[in-house]
Amino acid sequence: MGIKEYWIVDYLGLGGRKFIGYPKQPTFTVNILENGEYKSTQFKDKQLIQSSIFPELKLTVEQIFLAE
């Protein structure tokens, strides 16, 4: 379908260890389409989220998970 970027927001840290690591914790995953395959980058805690579609985005994972 050519989706250039999609996000997986696991705010409860329920994903499998293969996907979010160990110990399990809330994780924000950005998947970017490169050469026909997706490259996944995980962000946790106070890490600044990096997006190719929204380069001006200046939010940390913590800010998103704490938002009401």
PDB file of N, CA and C in Angstrom:
ATOM      1  N   MET A   1       0.800  -1.184   0.000  1.00  0.00           N
ATOM      2  CA  MET A   1       0.000   0.000   0.000  1.00  0.00           C
ATOM      3  C   MET A   1       0.855   1.264   0.000  1.00  0.00           C
ATOM      4  N   GLY A   2       2.130   1.142   0.295  1.00  0.00           N
ATOM      5  CA  GLY A   2       3.016   2.287   0.232  1.00  0.00           C
ATOM      6  C   GLY A   2       2.901   3.260   1.392  1.00  0.00           C
ATOM      7  N   ILE A   3       2.425   2.806   2.534  1.00  0.00           N
ATOM      8  CA  ILE A   3       2.327   3.682   3.704  1.00  0.00           C
ATOM      9  C   ILE A   3       3.745   4.020   4.146  1.00  0.00           C
ATOM     10  N   LYS A   4       4.098   5.300   4.106  1.00  0.00           N
ATOM     11  CA  LYS A   4       5.476   5.719   4.350  1.00  0.00           C
ATOM     12  C   LYS A   4       5.896   5.579   5.803  1.00  0.00           C
ATOM     13  N   GLU A   5       4.954   5.742   6.714  1.00  0.00           N
ATOM     14  CA  GLU A   5       5.295   5.665   8.129  1.00  0.00           C
ATOM     15  C   GLU A   5       4.053   5.315   8.939  1.00  0.00           C
ATOM     16  N   TYR A   6       4.212   4.424   9.912  1.00  0.00           N
ATOM     17  CA  TYR A   6       3.121   4.178  10.847  1.00  0.00           C
ATOM     18  C   TYR A   6       3.703   3.963  12.236  1.00  0.00           C
ATOM     19  N   TRP A   7       2.859   4.221  13.233  1.00  0.00           N
ATOM     20  CA  TRP A   7       3.295   4.159  14.625  1.00  0.00           C
ATOM     21  C   TRP A   7       2.530   3.076  15.368  1.00  0.00           C
ATOM     22  N   ILE A   8       3.204   2.436  16.307  1.00  0.00           N
ATOM     23  CA  ILE A   8       2.559   1.509  17.237  1.00  0.00           C
ATOM     24  C   ILE A   8       2.796   2.073  18.631  1.00  0.00           C
ATOM     25  N   VAL A   9       1.712   2.370  19.326  1.00  0.00           N
ATOM     26  CA  VAL A   9       1.794   2.954  20.658  1.00  0.00           C
ATOM     27  C   VAL A   9       1.339   1.907  21.664  1.00  0.00           C
ATOM     28  N   ASP A  10       2.293   1.355  22.397  1.00  0.00           N
ATOM     29  CA  ASP A  10       2.004   0.333  23.404  1.00  0.00           C
ATOM     30  C   ASP A  10       2.146   0.979  24.781  1.00  0.00           C
ATOM     31  N   TYR A  11       1.106   1.705  25.200  1.00  0.00           N
ATOM     32  CA  TYR A  11       1.187   2.481  26.430  1.00  0.00           C
ATOM     33  C   TYR A  11       1.135   1.637  27.697  1.00  0.00           C
ATOM     34  N   LEU A  12       0.764   0.361  27.579  1.00  0.00           N
ATOM     35  CA  LEU A  12       0.755  -0.523  28.747  1.00  0.00           C
ATOM     36  C   LEU A  12       1.947  -1.481  28.767  1.00  0.00           C
ATOM     37  N   GLY A  13       2.743  -1.476  27.719  1.00  0.00           N
ATOM     38  CA  GLY A  13       3.889  -2.387  27.662  1.00  0.00           C
ATOM     39  C   GLY A  13       3.474  -3.839  27.577  1.00  0.00           C
ATOM     40  N   LEU A  14       2.439  -4.129  26.797  1.00  0.00           N
ATOM     41  CA  LEU A  14       1.914  -5.486  26.682  1.00  0.00           C
ATOM     42  C   LEU A  14       2.483  -6.272  25.508  1.00  0.00           C
ATOM     43  N   GLY A  15       3.237  -5.624  24.631  1.00  0.00           N
ATOM     44  CA  GLY A  15       3.784  -6.300  23.453  1.00  0.00           C
ATOM     45  C   GLY A  15       4.753  -7.405  23.827  1.00  0.00           C
ATOM     46  N   GLY A  16       4.995  -8.277  22.897  1.00  0.00           N
ATOM     47  CA  GLY A  16       5.920  -9.377  23.120  1.00  0.00           C
ATOM     48  C   GLY A  16       7.357  -8.897  23.288  1.00  0.00           C
ATOM     49  N   ARG A  17       8.154  -9.653  24.014  1.00  0.00           N
ATOM     50  CA  ARG A  17       9.559  -9.290  24.241  1.00  0.00           C
ATOM     51  C   ARG A  17      10.309  -9.096  22.931  1.00  0.00           C
ATOM     52  N   LYS A  18       9.926  -9.863  21.918  1.00  0.00           N
ATOM     53  CA  LYS A  18      10.560  -9.744  20.602  1.00  0.00           C
ATOM     54  C   LYS A  18      10.376  -8.331  20.039  1.00  0.00           C
ATOM     55  N   PHE A  19       9.268  -7.691  20.391  1.00  0.00           N
ATOM     56  CA  PHE A  19       8.943  -6.391  19.819  1.00  0.00           C
ATOM     57  C   PHE A  19       9.321  -5.218  20.718  1.00  0.00           C
ATOM     58  N   ILE A  20       9.182  -5.358  22.040  1.00  0.00           N
ATOM     59  CA  ILE A  20       9.453  -4.219  22.916  1.00  0.00           C
ATOM     60  C   ILE A  20      10.603  -4.449  23.879  1.00  0.00           C
ATOM     61  N   GLY A  21      11.210  -5.624  23.829  1.00  0.00           N
ATOM     62  CA  GLY A  21      12.368  -5.882  24.669  1.00  0.00           C
ATOM     63  C   GLY A  21      12.011  -6.336  26.077  1.00  0.00           C
ATOM     64  N   TYR A  22      13.043  -6.474  26.893  1.00  0.00           N
ATOM     65  CA  TYR A  22      12.876  -6.916  28.270  1.00  0.00           C
ATOM     66  C   TYR A  22      13.740  -6.054  29.171  1.00  0.00           C
ATOM     67  N   PRO A  23      13.284  -5.539  30.252  1.00  0.00           N
ATOM     68  CA  PRO A  23      11.929  -5.736  30.779  1.00  0.00           C
ATOM     69  C   PRO A  23      10.898  -4.972  29.948  1.00  0.00           C
ATOM     70  N   LYS A  24       9.694  -5.510  29.956  1.00  0.00           N
ATOM     71  CA  LYS A  24       8.627  -4.863  29.205  1.00  0.00           C
ATOM     72  C   LYS A  24       8.309  -3.514  29.830  1.00  0.00           C
ATOM     73  N   GLN A  25       8.130  -2.531  28.986  1.00  0.00           N
ATOM     74  CA  GLN A  25       7.727  -1.201  29.436  1.00  0.00           C
ATOM     75  C   GLN A  25       7.017  -0.497  28.295  1.00  0.00           C
ATOM     76  N   PRO A  26       6.258   0.556  28.608  1.00  0.00           N
ATOM     77  CA  PRO A  26       5.562   1.284  27.545  1.00  0.00           C
ATOM     78  C   PRO A  26       6.534   1.704  26.442  1.00  0.00           C
ATOM     79  N   THR A  27       6.116   1.486  25.206  1.00  0.00           N
ATOM     80  CA  THR A  27       6.996   1.701  24.059  1.00  0.00           C
ATOM     81  C   THR A  27       6.234   2.374  22.920  1.00  0.00           C
ATOM     82  N   PHE A  28       6.913   3.293  22.248  1.00  0.00           N
ATOM     83  CA  PHE A  28       6.381   3.980  21.071  1.00  0.00           C
ATOM     84  C   PHE A  28       7.277   3.563  19.909  1.00  0.00           C
ATOM     85  N   THR A  29       6.717   2.864  18.920  1.00  0.00           N
ATOM     86  CA  THR A  29       7.497   2.363  17.789  1.00  0.00           C
ATOM     87  C   THR A  29       7.114   3.112  16.521  1.00  0.00           C
ATOM     88  N   VAL A  30       8.126   3.632  15.823  1.00  0.00           N
ATOM     89  CA  VAL A  30       7.923   4.306  14.543  1.00  0.00           C
ATOM     90  C   VAL A  30       8.471   3.369  13.464  1.00  0.00           C
ATOM     91  N   ASN A  31       7.630   3.038  12.501  1.00  0.00           N
ATOM     92  CA  ASN A  31       7.995   2.156  11.393  1.00  0.00           C
ATOM     93  C   ASN A  31       8.040   2.978  10.116  1.00  0.00           C
ATOM     94  N   ILE A  32       9.214   3.014   9.477  1.00  0.00           N
ATOM     95  CA  ILE A  32       9.416   3.828   8.275  1.00  0.00           C
ATOM     96  C   ILE A  32       9.713   2.903   7.095  1.00  0.00           C
ATOM     97  N   LEU A  33       9.014   3.135   5.992  1.00  0.00           N
ATOM     98  CA  LEU A  33       9.198   2.345   4.773  1.00  0.00           C
ATOM     99  C   LEU A  33      10.485   2.770   4.071  1.00  0.00           C
ATOM    100  N   GLU A  34      11.425   1.833   3.936  1.00  0.00           N
ATOM    101  CA  GLU A  34      12.695   2.087   3.247  1.00  0.00           C
ATOM    102  C   GLU A  34      12.975   0.931   2.295  1.00  0.00           C
ATOM    103  N   ASN A  35      13.093   1.232   1.026  1.00  0.00           N
ATOM    104  CA  ASN A  35      13.385   0.219  -0.002  1.00  0.00           C
ATOM    105  C   ASN A  35      12.418  -0.961   0.056  1.00  0.00           C
ATOM    106  N   GLY A  36      11.137  -0.666   0.260  1.00  0.00           N
ATOM    107  CA  GLY A  36      10.112  -1.698   0.241  1.00  0.00           C
ATOM    108  C   GLY A  36       9.946  -2.477   1.535  1.00  0.00           C
ATOM    109  N   GLU A  37      10.721  -2.159   2.573  1.00  0.00           N
ATOM    110  CA  GLU A  37      10.609  -2.841   3.867  1.00  0.00           C
ATOM    111  C   GLU A  37      10.547  -1.809   4.981  1.00  0.00           C
ATOM    112  N   TYR A  38       9.915  -2.209   6.083  1.00  0.00           N
ATOM    113  CA  TYR A  38       9.789  -1.284   7.206  1.00  0.00           C
ATOM    114  C   TYR A  38      10.961  -1.421   8.171  1.00  0.00           C
ATOM    115  N   LYS A  39      11.489  -0.281   8.551  1.00  0.00           N
ATOM    116  CA  LYS A  39      12.539  -0.202   9.564  1.00  0.00           C
ATOM    117  C   LYS A  39      11.880   0.333  10.829  1.00  0.00           C
ATOM    118  N   SER A  40      11.998  -0.418  11.930  1.00  0.00           N
ATOM    119  CA  SER A  40      11.367  -0.038  13.190  1.00  0.00           C
ATOM    120  C   SER A  40      12.373   0.597  14.134  1.00  0.00           C
ATOM    121  N   THR A  41      11.949   1.677  14.770  1.00  0.00           N
ATOM    122  CA  THR A  41      12.746   2.333  15.793  1.00  0.00           C
ATOM    123  C   THR A  41      11.858   2.512  17.012  1.00  0.00           C
ATOM    124  N   GLN A  42      12.365   2.077  18.166  1.00  0.00           N
ATOM    125  CA  GLN A  42      11.592   2.166  19.399  1.00  0.00           C
ATOM    126  C   GLN A  42      12.070   3.327  20.261  1.00  0.00           C
ATOM    127  N   PHE A  43      11.093   3.950  20.905  1.00  0.00           N
ATOM    128  CA  PHE A  43      11.368   5.065  21.798  1.00  0.00           C
ATOM    129  C   PHE A  43      10.688   4.778  23.128  1.00  0.00           C
ATOM    130  N   LYS A  44      11.373   5.121  24.221  1.00  0.00           N
ATOM    131  CA  LYS A  44      10.833   4.884  25.564  1.00  0.00           C
ATOM    132  C   LYS A  44      11.168   6.063  26.468  1.00  0.00           C
ATOM    133  N   ASP A  45      10.402   6.178  27.542  1.00  0.00           N
ATOM    134  CA  ASP A  45      10.641   7.161  28.606  1.00  0.00           C
ATOM    135  C   ASP A  45      10.759   8.595  28.087  1.00  0.00           C
ATOM    136  N   LYS A  46      11.909   9.214  28.309  1.00  0.00           N
ATOM    137  CA  LYS A  46      12.108  10.628  27.970  1.00  0.00           C
ATOM    138  C   LYS A  46      12.743  10.829  26.599  1.00  0.00           C
ATOM    139  N   GLN A  47      12.764   9.775  25.782  1.00  0.00           N
ATOM    140  CA  GLN A  47      13.343   9.897  24.446  1.00  0.00           C
ATOM    141  C   GLN A  47      12.444  10.745  23.543  1.00  0.00           C
ATOM    142  N   LEU A  48      13.064  11.577  22.744  1.00  0.00           N
ATOM    143  CA  LEU A  48      12.353  12.404  21.776  1.00  0.00           C
ATOM    144  C   LEU A  48      11.974  11.536  20.578  1.00  0.00           C
ATOM    145  N   ILE A  49      10.705  11.539  20.221  1.00  0.00           N
ATOM    146  CA  ILE A  49      10.224  10.740  19.089  1.00  0.00           C
ATOM    147  C   ILE A  49      10.711  11.379  17.797  1.00  0.00           C
ATOM    148  N   GLN A  50      11.214  10.555  16.891  1.00  0.00           N
ATOM    149  CA  GLN A  50      11.695  11.036  15.598  1.00  0.00           C
ATOM    150  C   GLN A  50      10.806  10.478  14.496  1.00  0.00           C
ATOM    151  N   SER A  51      10.278  11.376  13.674  1.00  0.00           N
ATOM    152  CA  SER A  51       9.378  11.003  12.592  1.00  0.00           C
ATOM    153  C   SER A  51       9.863  11.620  11.292  1.00  0.00           C
ATOM    154  N   SER A  52       9.854  10.821  10.227  1.00  0.00           N
ATOM    155  CA  SER A  52      10.244  11.356   8.921  1.00  0.00           C
ATOM    156  C   SER A  52       9.116  12.181   8.305  1.00  0.00           C
ATOM    157  N   ILE A  53       7.889  11.884   8.693  1.00  0.00           N
ATOM    158  CA  ILE A  53       6.731  12.596   8.158  1.00  0.00           C
ATOM    159  C   ILE A  53       6.480  13.906   8.909  1.00  0.00           C
ATOM    160  N   PHE A  54       6.773  13.891  10.207  1.00  0.00           N
ATOM    161  CA  PHE A  54       6.579  15.076  11.045  1.00  0.00           C
ATOM    162  C   PHE A  54       7.911  15.467  11.691  1.00  0.00           C
ATOM    163  N   PRO A  55       8.871  15.983  10.909  1.00  0.00           N
ATOM    164  CA  PRO A  55      10.188  16.300  11.469  1.00  0.00           C
ATOM    165  C   PRO A  55      10.144  17.407  12.528  1.00  0.00           C
ATOM    166  N   GLU A  56       9.076  18.206  12.524  1.00  0.00           N
ATOM    167  CA  GLU A  56       8.958  19.279  13.505  1.00  0.00           C
ATOM    168  C   GLU A  56       8.391  18.789  14.847  1.00  0.00           C
ATOM    169  N   LEU A  57       8.009  17.519  14.933  1.00  0.00           N
ATOM    170  CA  LEU A  57       7.461  16.946  16.159  1.00  0.00           C
ATOM    171  C   LEU A  57       8.499  17.004  17.269  1.00  0.00           C
ATOM    172  N   LYS A  58       8.130  17.593  18.389  1.00  0.00           N
ATOM    173  CA  LYS A  58       9.039  17.753  19.525  1.00  0.00           C
ATOM    174  C   LYS A  58       8.382  17.216  20.789  1.00  0.00           C
ATOM    175  N   LEU A  59       8.073  15.922  20.803  1.00  0.00           N
ATOM    176  CA  LEU A  59       7.444  15.290  21.952  1.00  0.00           C
ATOM    177  C   LEU A  59       8.249  14.080  22.390  1.00  0.00           C
ATOM    178  N   THR A  60       8.257  13.852  23.702  1.00  0.00           N
ATOM    179  CA  THR A  60       8.868  12.636  24.221  1.00  0.00           C
ATOM    180  C   THR A  60       7.789  11.592  24.421  1.00  0.00           C
ATOM    181  N   VAL A  61       8.192  10.364  24.561  1.00  0.00           N
ATOM    182  CA  VAL A  61       7.241   9.284  24.826  1.00  0.00           C
ATOM    183  C   VAL A  61       6.518   9.578  26.132  1.00  0.00           C
ATOM    184  N   GLU A  62       7.225  10.003  27.131  1.00  0.00           N
ATOM    185  CA  GLU A  62       6.640  10.316  28.432  1.00  0.00           C
ATOM    186  C   GLU A  62       5.539  11.371  28.309  1.00  0.00           C
ATOM    187  N   GLN A  63       5.767  12.415  27.526  1.00  0.00           N
ATOM    188  CA  GLN A  63       4.764  13.466  27.333  1.00  0.00           C
ATOM    189  C   GLN A  63       3.473  12.900  26.726  1.00  0.00           C
ATOM    190  N   ILE A  64       3.613  12.005  25.778  1.00  0.00           N
ATOM    191  CA  ILE A  64       2.436  11.425  25.128  1.00  0.00           C
ATOM    192  C   ILE A  64       1.684  10.523  26.089  1.00  0.00           C
ATOM    193  N   PHE A  65       2.395   9.678  26.824  1.00  0.00           N
ATOM    194  CA  PHE A  65       1.739   8.741  27.723  1.00  0.00           C
ATOM    195  C   PHE A  65       1.103   9.433  28.935  1.00  0.00           C
ATOM    196  N   LEU A  66       1.604  10.605  29.313  1.00  0.00           N
ATOM    197  CA  LEU A  66       1.052  11.331  30.458  1.00  0.00           C
ATOM    198  C   LEU A  66      -0.078  12.287  30.070  1.00  0.00           C
ATOM    199  N   ALA A  67      -0.283  12.513  28.776  1.00  0.00           N
ATOM    200  CA  ALA A  67      -1.326  13.430  28.319  1.00  0.00           C
ATOM    201  C   ALA A  67      -2.704  12.868  28.669  1.00  0.00           C
ATOM    202  N   GLU A  68      -3.601  13.762  28.970  1.00  0.00           N
ATOM    203  CA  GLU A  68      -4.967  13.343  29.291  1.00  0.00           C
ATOM    204  C   GLU A  68      -5.883  13.591  28.134  1.00  0.00           C
TER     205      GLU A  68
END
